N, C-alpha and C. Protein backbone atom coordinates (compact mmCIF):
# COMPACT_ATOMS: atom_id res chain seq x y z
N MET A 1 58.44 178.13 113.55
CA MET A 1 59.22 179.42 113.55
C MET A 1 59.12 180.07 114.96
N THR A 2 60.05 180.48 115.46
CA THR A 2 60.15 181.07 116.77
C THR A 2 59.80 182.46 116.68
N ALA A 3 59.44 183.11 118.01
CA ALA A 3 59.03 184.41 118.00
C ALA A 3 60.19 185.38 117.62
N VAL A 4 61.34 185.02 118.00
CA VAL A 4 62.51 185.74 117.85
C VAL A 4 62.77 185.98 116.23
N LYS A 5 62.53 184.91 115.44
CA LYS A 5 62.63 185.09 113.98
C LYS A 5 61.68 185.77 113.44
N ILE A 6 60.39 185.79 113.92
CA ILE A 6 59.30 186.73 113.45
C ILE A 6 59.76 188.14 113.82
N VAL A 7 60.13 188.36 114.86
CA VAL A 7 60.64 189.65 115.27
C VAL A 7 61.70 190.21 114.32
N PHE A 8 62.69 189.43 114.08
CA PHE A 8 63.70 189.83 113.15
C PHE A 8 63.19 189.99 111.75
N ALA A 9 62.29 189.17 111.30
CA ALA A 9 61.75 189.46 109.96
C ALA A 9 60.89 190.75 109.92
N ILE A 10 60.19 191.10 110.83
CA ILE A 10 59.38 192.11 110.89
C ILE A 10 60.32 193.40 111.17
N VAL A 11 61.52 193.49 111.65
CA VAL A 11 62.46 194.48 111.82
C VAL A 11 63.05 194.74 110.55
N PHE A 12 63.35 193.58 109.73
CA PHE A 12 63.99 193.74 108.40
C PHE A 12 63.09 194.35 107.39
N PHE A 13 61.73 193.91 107.56
CA PHE A 13 60.74 194.27 106.54
C PHE A 13 60.47 196.14 106.84
N ALA A 14 60.62 196.18 108.25
CA ALA A 14 60.39 197.58 108.52
C ALA A 14 61.45 198.63 108.08
N VAL A 15 62.79 198.18 108.18
CA VAL A 15 63.95 198.86 107.55
C VAL A 15 63.80 199.01 106.22
N ALA A 16 63.41 197.86 105.30
CA ALA A 16 63.10 197.82 104.05
C ALA A 16 61.95 199.08 103.57
N GLY A 17 61.00 199.21 104.29
CA GLY A 17 60.06 200.12 104.16
C GLY A 17 60.61 201.42 104.33
N LEU A 18 61.52 201.65 105.28
CA LEU A 18 61.96 203.04 105.70
C LEU A 18 62.83 203.29 104.54
N LEU A 19 63.68 202.43 104.18
CA LEU A 19 64.55 202.71 103.09
C LEU A 19 63.99 203.14 101.72
N LEU A 20 62.82 202.41 101.49
CA LEU A 20 61.90 202.77 100.25
C LEU A 20 61.30 204.11 100.38
N LEU A 21 60.87 204.41 101.70
CA LEU A 21 60.26 205.72 101.90
C LEU A 21 61.39 206.98 101.65
N PHE A 22 62.70 206.58 102.18
CA PHE A 22 63.57 207.53 101.82
C PHE A 22 64.11 207.73 100.34
N GLY A 23 63.93 206.48 99.61
CA GLY A 23 64.13 206.43 98.23
C GLY A 23 63.12 207.28 97.37
N ILE A 24 61.88 207.05 97.83
CA ILE A 24 60.69 207.67 97.00
C ILE A 24 60.71 209.30 97.36
N ARG A 25 61.06 209.59 98.57
CA ARG A 25 61.26 211.05 98.97
C ARG A 25 62.42 211.64 98.13
N SER A 26 63.41 210.91 97.93
CA SER A 26 64.61 211.37 97.24
C SER A 26 64.23 211.59 95.67
N PHE A 27 63.55 210.51 95.19
CA PHE A 27 63.17 210.78 93.92
C PHE A 27 62.32 211.97 93.61
N MET A 28 61.43 212.32 94.57
CA MET A 28 60.59 213.50 94.72
C MET A 28 61.52 214.83 94.94
N GLU A 29 62.67 214.66 95.36
CA GLU A 29 63.49 215.65 95.74
C GLU A 29 62.90 216.34 96.76
N ARG A 30 62.39 215.63 97.83
CA ARG A 30 62.01 216.24 98.98
C ARG A 30 62.88 215.84 100.31
N GLY A 31 62.88 216.64 101.23
CA GLY A 31 63.49 216.31 102.42
C GLY A 31 65.03 216.55 102.47
N PHE A 32 65.65 216.13 103.50
CA PHE A 32 67.10 216.44 103.62
C PHE A 32 67.77 215.49 102.49
N LEU A 33 68.70 216.06 101.98
CA LEU A 33 69.63 215.25 101.04
C LEU A 33 70.64 214.45 101.59
N LEU A 34 70.25 213.20 101.77
CA LEU A 34 71.21 212.21 102.35
C LEU A 34 72.36 211.79 101.53
N ASN A 35 73.40 212.69 101.15
CA ASN A 35 74.34 212.33 100.25
C ASN A 35 75.65 213.04 100.77
N ASN A 36 76.77 212.32 100.71
CA ASN A 36 77.97 212.77 101.25
C ASN A 36 78.42 214.15 100.50
N ALA A 37 78.24 214.19 99.24
CA ALA A 37 78.56 215.46 98.65
C ALA A 37 77.82 216.72 99.12
N TYR A 38 76.64 216.55 99.44
CA TYR A 38 75.77 217.58 100.00
C TYR A 38 76.09 217.81 101.59
N ILE A 39 76.31 216.79 102.31
CA ILE A 39 76.61 216.99 103.65
C ILE A 39 77.86 217.50 103.89
N TYR A 40 78.93 217.25 103.33
CA TYR A 40 80.20 217.84 103.44
C TYR A 40 80.57 219.02 102.77
N ALA A 41 79.64 219.52 101.91
CA ALA A 41 79.64 220.88 101.23
C ALA A 41 79.46 221.88 102.20
N THR A 42 80.18 222.94 101.92
CA THR A 42 80.05 224.25 102.80
C THR A 42 78.52 224.92 102.52
N LYS A 43 78.02 225.77 103.22
CA LYS A 43 76.82 226.50 103.09
C LYS A 43 76.69 227.23 101.69
N GLU A 44 77.76 227.80 101.32
CA GLU A 44 78.01 228.46 100.11
C GLU A 44 77.85 227.45 98.88
N GLU A 45 78.52 226.32 99.00
CA GLU A 45 78.50 225.24 97.97
C GLU A 45 77.14 224.68 97.81
N ARG A 46 76.41 224.54 99.07
CA ARG A 46 74.93 224.03 99.03
C ARG A 46 74.14 224.86 98.30
N LYS A 47 74.32 226.24 98.51
CA LYS A 47 73.37 227.04 97.65
C LYS A 47 73.50 227.04 96.25
N THR A 48 74.64 226.73 95.62
CA THR A 48 74.85 226.98 94.25
C THR A 48 74.94 225.53 93.55
N MET A 49 74.93 224.36 94.30
CA MET A 49 75.02 223.13 93.72
C MET A 49 73.73 222.61 93.03
N ASN A 50 73.79 221.83 92.11
CA ASN A 50 72.86 221.35 91.48
C ASN A 50 72.36 219.97 92.11
N LYS A 51 71.33 219.89 92.86
CA LYS A 51 71.07 218.79 93.92
C LYS A 51 70.40 217.74 93.22
N LYS A 52 69.76 217.83 92.00
CA LYS A 52 69.05 216.75 91.33
C LYS A 52 69.95 215.51 91.11
N PRO A 53 71.21 215.60 90.45
CA PRO A 53 71.86 214.30 90.42
C PRO A 53 72.22 213.50 91.84
N TYR A 54 72.41 214.17 92.86
CA TYR A 54 72.62 213.71 94.24
C TYR A 54 71.36 213.14 94.63
N TYR A 55 70.24 213.81 94.55
CA TYR A 55 68.83 213.06 95.00
C TYR A 55 68.69 211.90 94.32
N ARG A 56 68.99 211.78 92.88
CA ARG A 56 68.76 210.54 92.10
C ARG A 56 69.57 209.40 92.54
N GLN A 57 70.99 209.69 92.84
CA GLN A 57 71.92 208.84 93.25
C GLN A 57 71.56 208.28 94.53
N SER A 58 71.00 209.16 95.52
CA SER A 58 70.57 208.51 96.80
C SER A 58 69.36 207.71 96.72
N ALA A 59 68.37 208.17 95.84
CA ALA A 59 67.21 207.47 95.75
C ALA A 59 67.38 205.89 95.13
N ILE A 60 68.31 205.96 94.16
CA ILE A 60 68.65 204.64 93.72
C ILE A 60 69.41 203.65 94.67
N VAL A 61 70.20 204.22 95.45
CA VAL A 61 70.85 203.49 96.53
C VAL A 61 69.86 203.05 97.57
N PHE A 62 69.00 203.91 97.86
CA PHE A 62 67.98 203.66 98.89
C PHE A 62 67.21 202.40 98.56
N CYS A 63 66.62 202.53 97.29
CA CYS A 63 65.68 201.47 96.63
C CYS A 63 66.46 200.31 96.65
N VAL A 64 67.60 200.27 96.16
CA VAL A 64 68.48 199.02 96.07
C VAL A 64 68.59 198.38 97.53
N LEU A 65 69.00 199.16 98.41
CA LEU A 65 69.14 198.74 99.84
C LEU A 65 67.74 198.03 100.44
N SER A 66 66.60 198.75 99.96
CA SER A 66 65.25 198.23 100.30
C SER A 66 65.09 196.96 99.93
N ILE A 67 65.53 196.63 98.64
CA ILE A 67 65.33 195.27 98.11
C ILE A 67 66.38 194.36 98.80
N ALA A 68 67.31 194.75 99.11
CA ALA A 68 68.11 193.83 99.95
C ALA A 68 67.81 193.45 101.35
N PHE A 69 67.15 194.49 101.97
CA PHE A 69 66.48 194.06 103.27
C PHE A 69 65.17 193.25 103.13
N VAL A 70 64.56 193.54 102.11
CA VAL A 70 63.27 192.62 101.88
C VAL A 70 63.84 191.14 101.60
N ILE A 71 64.97 191.05 100.95
CA ILE A 71 65.44 189.53 100.75
C ILE A 71 66.05 189.03 101.99
N ILE A 72 66.49 189.86 102.74
CA ILE A 72 67.09 189.36 104.17
C ILE A 72 65.75 188.92 104.95
N GLY A 73 64.78 189.78 104.85
CA GLY A 73 63.50 189.45 105.76
C GLY A 73 62.82 188.03 105.22
N LEU A 74 62.92 188.04 104.01
CA LEU A 74 62.35 186.60 103.35
C LEU A 74 63.13 185.57 103.79
N SER A 75 64.55 185.75 103.77
CA SER A 75 65.43 184.59 104.17
C SER A 75 65.12 184.19 105.60
N VAL A 76 64.94 185.13 106.51
CA VAL A 76 64.58 184.88 107.80
C VAL A 76 63.30 184.15 107.90
N LEU A 77 62.26 184.84 107.20
CA LEU A 77 60.84 184.25 107.34
C LEU A 77 60.70 182.87 106.82
N PHE A 78 61.42 182.58 105.58
CA PHE A 78 61.30 181.18 105.15
C PHE A 78 62.45 180.23 105.62
N GLN A 79 63.30 180.77 106.44
CA GLN A 79 64.42 179.89 107.25
C GLN A 79 65.26 179.37 106.11
N ASN A 80 65.65 180.16 105.17
CA ASN A 80 66.31 179.62 103.89
C ASN A 80 67.56 180.43 103.85
N GLY A 81 68.80 179.98 104.23
CA GLY A 81 69.88 180.87 104.19
C GLY A 81 70.52 181.17 102.66
N ASN A 82 69.96 180.25 101.78
CA ASN A 82 70.39 180.50 100.25
C ASN A 82 69.80 181.75 99.73
N ILE A 83 68.55 182.05 100.21
CA ILE A 83 67.99 183.33 99.85
C ILE A 83 68.70 184.38 100.19
N GLY A 84 69.32 184.42 101.15
CA GLY A 84 70.15 185.50 101.88
C GLY A 84 71.41 185.78 101.04
N LEU A 85 71.75 184.71 100.32
CA LEU A 85 72.96 185.08 99.46
C LEU A 85 72.73 185.85 98.27
N LEU A 86 71.39 186.12 98.04
CA LEU A 86 71.17 187.02 96.91
C LEU A 86 71.59 188.55 97.29
N VAL A 87 71.73 188.61 98.60
CA VAL A 87 71.96 190.08 98.97
C VAL A 87 73.41 190.36 98.48
N ILE A 88 74.41 189.46 98.40
CA ILE A 88 75.72 189.81 98.09
C ILE A 88 75.81 190.53 96.80
N PRO A 89 75.22 189.96 95.74
CA PRO A 89 75.34 190.68 94.41
C PRO A 89 74.66 192.11 94.35
N ILE A 90 73.53 192.10 95.19
CA ILE A 90 72.67 193.30 95.17
C ILE A 90 73.55 194.37 95.85
N ALA A 91 74.25 194.08 97.00
CA ALA A 91 75.07 195.01 97.86
C ALA A 91 76.23 195.41 97.00
N VAL A 92 76.96 194.55 96.22
CA VAL A 92 77.91 194.74 95.39
C VAL A 92 77.50 195.90 94.25
N LEU A 93 76.21 195.54 93.70
CA LEU A 93 75.55 196.45 92.65
C LEU A 93 75.57 197.75 93.29
N ALA A 94 75.10 197.98 94.63
CA ALA A 94 74.79 199.27 95.13
C ALA A 94 76.13 199.87 95.34
N ILE A 95 77.18 199.22 95.65
CA ILE A 95 78.38 199.97 96.01
C ILE A 95 78.99 200.40 94.57
N ILE A 96 78.93 199.59 93.50
CA ILE A 96 79.51 199.93 92.41
C ILE A 96 78.66 201.13 91.81
N TYR A 97 77.37 201.01 91.80
CA TYR A 97 76.78 202.20 91.43
C TYR A 97 77.12 203.48 92.04
N ALA A 98 77.11 203.45 93.36
CA ALA A 98 77.41 204.67 94.00
C ALA A 98 78.80 205.31 93.72
N ILE A 99 79.85 204.35 93.54
CA ILE A 99 81.11 204.93 93.16
C ILE A 99 81.17 205.48 91.75
N VAL A 100 80.52 204.72 90.68
CA VAL A 100 80.52 205.22 89.44
C VAL A 100 79.73 206.32 89.23
N SER A 101 78.58 206.44 89.85
CA SER A 101 77.71 207.82 89.82
C SER A 101 78.46 208.86 90.34
N SER A 102 79.16 208.69 91.53
CA SER A 102 79.97 209.82 92.14
C SER A 102 80.98 210.28 91.23
N VAL A 103 81.74 209.36 90.42
CA VAL A 103 82.77 209.64 89.62
C VAL A 103 82.21 210.54 88.33
N LEU A 104 81.07 209.98 87.98
CA LEU A 104 80.45 210.83 86.79
C LEU A 104 79.83 212.15 87.23
N ASN A 105 79.19 212.18 88.45
CA ASN A 105 78.77 213.46 88.95
C ASN A 105 79.86 214.56 89.06
N ASN A 106 81.03 214.08 89.60
CA ASN A 106 82.26 214.87 89.59
C ASN A 106 82.73 215.29 88.45
N LYS A 107 82.73 214.43 87.28
CA LYS A 107 83.08 214.86 85.92
C LYS A 107 82.27 215.85 85.41
N ARG A 108 80.94 215.69 85.69
CA ARG A 108 80.03 216.73 85.14
C ARG A 108 80.04 218.10 85.77
N LYS A 109 80.46 218.05 87.06
CA LYS A 109 80.78 219.36 87.71
C LYS A 109 81.77 220.14 87.19
N LYS A 110 82.89 219.36 86.69
CA LYS A 110 83.97 220.25 86.11
C LYS A 110 83.76 220.64 84.68
């Protein structure tokens, strides 16, 4: 294994760790809410909105993306491209979850 592949694997694992940290902090409802519904809301809307479902949505997406980056890191580390193919269904799952949960959050708001 070359040094470049080791560096890439370390970078992917570091990104996975960072995403997991964001996910854990979001589950704890700590820190800035990294969610489009909150980011694009006005200051008045931010004060009155229930942030709990948005924190939960962000936390789940961050954790799923963390899993995807761990898989990519393992793929690079073991030099097996077939392992990397597992990222596709995980990414699709994250996208579907984000869309469905956004729709459900908007229905609950009304």
